[in-house]
Amino acid sequence: QGQLVESGGDSVQAGGSLRLTCDASGYIYKRSCMGWFRQVPGKAREAVAIIDRDGTTTYPDSTKGRFSISQDNAKTMLWLQMNNLKPEDTAMYYCAAAANLGDTKSFIETMIDRPDLGHWGQGTQVTVSS
């Protein structure tokens, strides 16, 4: 019911690009916010790109203009295109989804503070070298 499977993580040099894929075909809650989060050991998980139930996208300042989130019409696939990667983008990247957590701001806050209320993939590692 809540399976999310990420792929596409890799090691790249600064300035390079990667495209992460989240297979959400096993996720049945189609009216959900979905997004990509990342985490570095010892630091809190942070949102890097969110797409809400109506398709509106949101990015923090750290990824705006460089990252792009998209999904297919059936909402079975979620992608994160990452361009002009920087060493500080190095992290484990997670696909996440949740229904009924309110608007984008509420979704982000809840997924960070109460990750047990949503669904997560296993993560895919992105490493950017300088």
C-alpha atoms as a PDB file:
ATOM      1  CA  GLN A   1       0.000   0.000   0.000  1.00  0.00           C
ATOM      2  CA  GLY A   2       2.768   2.422   0.787  1.00  0.00           C
ATOM      3  CA  GLN A   3       5.744   1.205  -1.158  1.00  0.00           C
ATOM      4  CA  LEU A   4       8.087   3.794  -2.595  1.00  0.00           C
ATOM      5  CA  VAL A   5      11.300   2.749  -4.332  1.00  0.00           C
ATOM      6  CA  GLU A   6      14.034   5.235  -5.221  1.00  0.00           C
ATOM      7  CA  SER A   7      16.812   4.847  -7.750  1.00  0.00           C
ATOM      8  CA  GLY A   8      19.303   6.999  -9.615  1.00  0.00           C
ATOM      9  CA  GLY A   9      21.714   8.026  -6.889  1.00  0.00           C
ATOM     10  CA  ASP A  10      25.350   8.177  -7.921  1.00  0.00           C
ATOM     11  CA  SER A  11      28.668   9.946  -7.452  1.00  0.00           C
ATOM     12  CA  VAL A  12      29.198  12.978  -9.665  1.00  0.00           C
ATOM     13  CA  GLN A  13      31.468  15.968  -9.843  1.00  0.00           C
ATOM     14  CA  ALA A  14      30.338  19.441  -8.895  1.00  0.00           C
ATOM     15  CA  GLY A  15      28.381  21.045 -11.720  1.00  0.00           C
ATOM     16  CA  GLY A  16      27.032  17.729 -12.885  1.00  0.00           C
ATOM     17  CA  SER A  17      23.463  16.484 -13.067  1.00  0.00           C
ATOM     18  CA  LEU A  18      21.499  13.515 -11.799  1.00  0.00           C
ATOM     19  CA  ARG A  19      17.935  12.358 -12.145  1.00  0.00           C
ATOM     20  CA  LEU A  20      16.390  10.457  -9.278  1.00  0.00           C
ATOM     21  CA  THR A  21      13.373   8.238  -9.809  1.00  0.00           C
ATOM     22  CA  CYS A  22      10.766   7.131  -7.308  1.00  0.00           C
ATOM     23  CA  ASP A  23       8.565   4.228  -8.312  1.00  0.00           C
ATOM     24  CA  ALA A  24       5.296   4.892  -6.529  1.00  0.00           C
ATOM     25  CA  SER A  25       3.246   2.309  -8.418  1.00  0.00           C
ATOM     26  CA  GLY A  26       2.699   0.462  -5.162  1.00  0.00           C
ATOM     27  CA  TYR A  27       1.461   3.565  -3.392  1.00  0.00           C
ATOM     28  CA  ILE A  28      -2.318   3.658  -3.421  1.00  0.00           C
ATOM     29  CA  TYR A  29      -3.019   7.104  -1.936  1.00  0.00           C
ATOM     30  CA  LYS A  30      -3.156   9.153  -5.124  1.00  0.00           C
ATOM     31  CA  ARG A  31      -4.422  12.325  -3.453  1.00  0.00           C
ATOM     32  CA  SER A  32      -1.190  12.888  -1.583  1.00  0.00           C
ATOM     33  CA  CYS A  33       1.580  15.375  -1.259  1.00  0.00           C
ATOM     34  CA  MET A  34       4.799  13.833  -2.482  1.00  0.00           C
ATOM     35  CA  GLY A  35       8.316  15.001  -2.319  1.00  0.00           C
ATOM     36  CA  TRP A  36      12.020  14.479  -1.992  1.00  0.00           C
ATOM     37  CA  PHE A  37      13.899  14.908   1.239  1.00  0.00           C
ATOM     38  CA  ARG A  38      17.565  14.479   2.025  1.00  0.00           C
ATOM     39  CA  GLN A  39      19.583  13.736   5.103  1.00  0.00           C
ATOM     40  CA  VAL A  40      23.204  13.893   6.088  1.00  0.00           C
ATOM     41  CA  PRO A  41      24.333  11.880   9.121  1.00  0.00           C
ATOM     42  CA  GLY A  42      24.013  13.962  12.265  1.00  0.00           C
ATOM     43  CA  LYS A  43      21.691  16.498  10.694  1.00  0.00           C
ATOM     44  CA  ALA A  44      17.923  16.785  10.433  1.00  0.00           C
ATOM     45  CA  ARG A  45      16.170  15.609   7.331  1.00  0.00           C
ATOM     46  CA  GLU A  46      15.274  18.478   4.990  1.00  0.00           C
ATOM     47  CA  ALA A  47      12.837  18.874   2.143  1.00  0.00           C
ATOM     48  CA  VAL A  48      14.368  19.603  -1.253  1.00  0.00           C
ATOM     49  CA  ALA A  49      11.329  19.518  -3.543  1.00  0.00           C
ATOM     50  CA  ILE A  50       7.616  19.024  -2.963  1.00  0.00           C
ATOM     51  CA  ILE A  51       4.675  18.547  -5.297  1.00  0.00           C
ATOM     52  CA  ASP A  52       1.228  18.861  -3.820  1.00  0.00           C
ATOM     53  CA  ARG A  53      -1.996  17.098  -4.738  1.00  0.00           C
ATOM     54  CA  ASP A  54      -2.778  19.686  -7.414  1.00  0.00           C
ATOM     55  CA  GLY A  55       0.691  19.605  -8.956  1.00  0.00           C
ATOM     56  CA  THR A  56       2.027  22.789  -7.421  1.00  0.00           C
ATOM     57  CA  THR A  57       5.754  22.549  -6.716  1.00  0.00           C
ATOM     58  CA  THR A  58       7.732  24.063  -3.855  1.00  0.00           C
ATOM     59  CA  TYR A  59      11.487  24.342  -3.380  1.00  0.00           C
ATOM     60  CA  PRO A  60      13.641  25.711  -0.579  1.00  0.00           C
ATOM     61  CA  ASP A  61      16.149  28.410  -1.456  1.00  0.00           C
ATOM     62  CA  SER A  62      18.961  25.842  -1.398  1.00  0.00           C
ATOM     63  CA  THR A  63      17.569  23.953  -4.405  1.00  0.00           C
ATOM     64  CA  LYS A  64      15.428  26.529  -6.209  1.00  0.00           C
ATOM     65  CA  GLY A  65      16.522  26.981  -9.798  1.00  0.00           C
ATOM     66  CA  ARG A  66      18.664  23.841  -9.762  1.00  0.00           C
ATOM     67  CA  PHE A  67      16.256  21.040  -8.827  1.00  0.00           C
ATOM     68  CA  SER A  68      12.968  20.161 -10.510  1.00  0.00           C
ATOM     69  CA  ILE A  69      10.337  17.721  -9.271  1.00  0.00           C
ATOM     70  CA  SER A  70       7.840  16.101 -11.597  1.00  0.00           C
ATOM     71  CA  GLN A  71       5.447  13.179 -11.731  1.00  0.00           C
ATOM     72  CA  ASP A  72       3.480  11.295 -14.351  1.00  0.00           C
ATOM     73  CA  ASN A  73      -0.253  11.831 -14.783  1.00  0.00           C
ATOM     74  CA  ALA A  74      -1.066   8.557 -13.068  1.00  0.00           C
ATOM     75  CA  LYS A  75       1.120   9.570 -10.111  1.00  0.00           C
ATOM     76  CA  THR A  76       2.959   6.270 -10.245  1.00  0.00           C
ATOM     77  CA  MET A  77       6.374   7.822 -10.867  1.00  0.00           C
ATOM     78  CA  LEU A  78       8.113  10.768  -9.240  1.00  0.00           C
ATOM     79  CA  TRP A  79      11.330  12.298 -10.507  1.00  0.00           C
ATOM     80  CA  LEU A  80      13.877  14.756  -9.210  1.00  0.00           C
ATOM     81  CA  GLN A  81      16.082  16.398 -11.806  1.00  0.00           C
ATOM     82  CA  MET A  82      19.142  17.870 -10.129  1.00  0.00           C
ATOM     83  CA  ASN A  83      21.370  20.236 -12.089  1.00  0.00           C
ATOM     84  CA  ASN A  84      24.483  22.199 -11.184  1.00  0.00           C
ATOM     85  CA  LEU A  85      25.097  19.904  -8.251  1.00  0.00           C
ATOM     86  CA  LYS A  86      27.244  21.156  -5.389  1.00  0.00           C
ATOM     87  CA  PRO A  87      29.246  19.244  -2.765  1.00  0.00           C
ATOM     88  CA  GLU A  88      26.721  20.391  -0.153  1.00  0.00           C
ATOM     89  CA  ASP A  89      24.053  18.420  -2.036  1.00  0.00           C
ATOM     90  CA  THR A  90      25.752  15.227  -0.898  1.00  0.00           C
ATOM     91  CA  ALA A  91      23.215  13.252   1.139  1.00  0.00           C
ATOM     92  CA  MET A  92      20.890  10.293   1.205  1.00  0.00           C
ATOM     93  CA  TYR A  93      17.809  11.240  -0.792  1.00  0.00           C
ATOM     94  CA  TYR A  94      14.383   9.896   0.125  1.00  0.00           C
ATOM     95  CA  CYS A  95      11.100   9.828  -1.715  1.00  0.00           C
ATOM     96  CA  ALA A  96       8.175  10.526   0.594  1.00  0.00           C
ATOM     97  CA  ALA A  97       4.414  10.724   0.441  1.00  0.00           C
ATOM     98  CA  ALA A  98       1.515  11.250   2.775  1.00  0.00           C
ATOM     99  CA  ALA A  99      -2.185  11.855   2.508  1.00  0.00           C
ATOM    100  CA  ASN A 100      -4.220  14.134   4.723  1.00  0.00           C
ATOM    101  CA  LEU A 101      -1.373  16.172   6.178  1.00  0.00           C
ATOM    102  CA  GLY A 102      -2.726  19.507   4.994  1.00  0.00           C
ATOM    103  CA  ASP A 103      -0.902  21.950   2.785  1.00  0.00           C
ATOM    104  CA  THR A 104       2.724  21.799   1.660  1.00  0.00           C
ATOM    105  CA  LYS A 105       4.063  23.576   4.738  1.00  0.00           C
ATOM    106  CA  SER A 106       2.186  21.208   7.037  1.00  0.00           C
ATOM    107  CA  PHE A 107       3.321  18.210   4.989  1.00  0.00           C
ATOM    108  CA  ILE A 108       6.980  19.204   5.279  1.00  0.00           C
ATOM    109  CA  GLU A 109       6.809  19.970   8.989  1.00  0.00           C
ATOM    110  CA  THR A 110       4.951  16.758   9.782  1.00  0.00           C
ATOM    111  CA  MET A 111       7.184  14.543   7.674  1.00  0.00           C
ATOM    112  CA  ILE A 112      10.247  15.923   9.452  1.00  0.00           C
ATOM    113  CA  ASP A 113       8.812  15.947  12.977  1.00  0.00           C
ATOM    114  CA  ARG A 114       6.685  12.796  12.678  1.00  0.00           C
ATOM    115  CA  PRO A 115       8.143  10.668   9.853  1.00  0.00           C
ATOM    116  CA  ASP A 116       6.044   7.759  11.090  1.00  0.00           C
ATOM    117  CA  LEU A 117       2.905   9.500   9.773  1.00  0.00           C
ATOM    118  CA  GLY A 118       4.038   9.226   6.147  1.00  0.00           C
ATOM    119  CA  HIS A 119       5.579   6.747   3.757  1.00  0.00           C
ATOM    120  CA  TRP A 120       9.240   6.686   2.812  1.00  0.00           C
ATOM    121  CA  GLY A 121      11.460   4.904   0.385  1.00  0.00           C
ATOM    122  CA  GLN A 122      14.705   3.270   1.392  1.00  0.00           C
ATOM    123  CA  GLY A 123      16.827   6.142   0.103  1.00  0.00           C
ATOM    124  CA  THR A 124      19.388   6.577  -2.647  1.00  0.00           C
ATOM    125  CA  GLN A 125      22.832   8.078  -2.058  1.00  0.00           C
ATOM    126  CA  VAL A 126      23.998  11.164  -3.939  1.00  0.00           C
ATOM    127  CA  THR A 127      27.644  12.141  -3.603  1.00  0.00           C
ATOM    128  CA  VAL A 128      29.006  15.293  -5.204  1.00  0.00           C
ATOM    129  CA  SER A 129      32.755  15.807  -5.256  1.00  0.00           C
ATOM    130  CA  SER A 130      34.490  19.128  -5.743  1.00  0.00           C
END
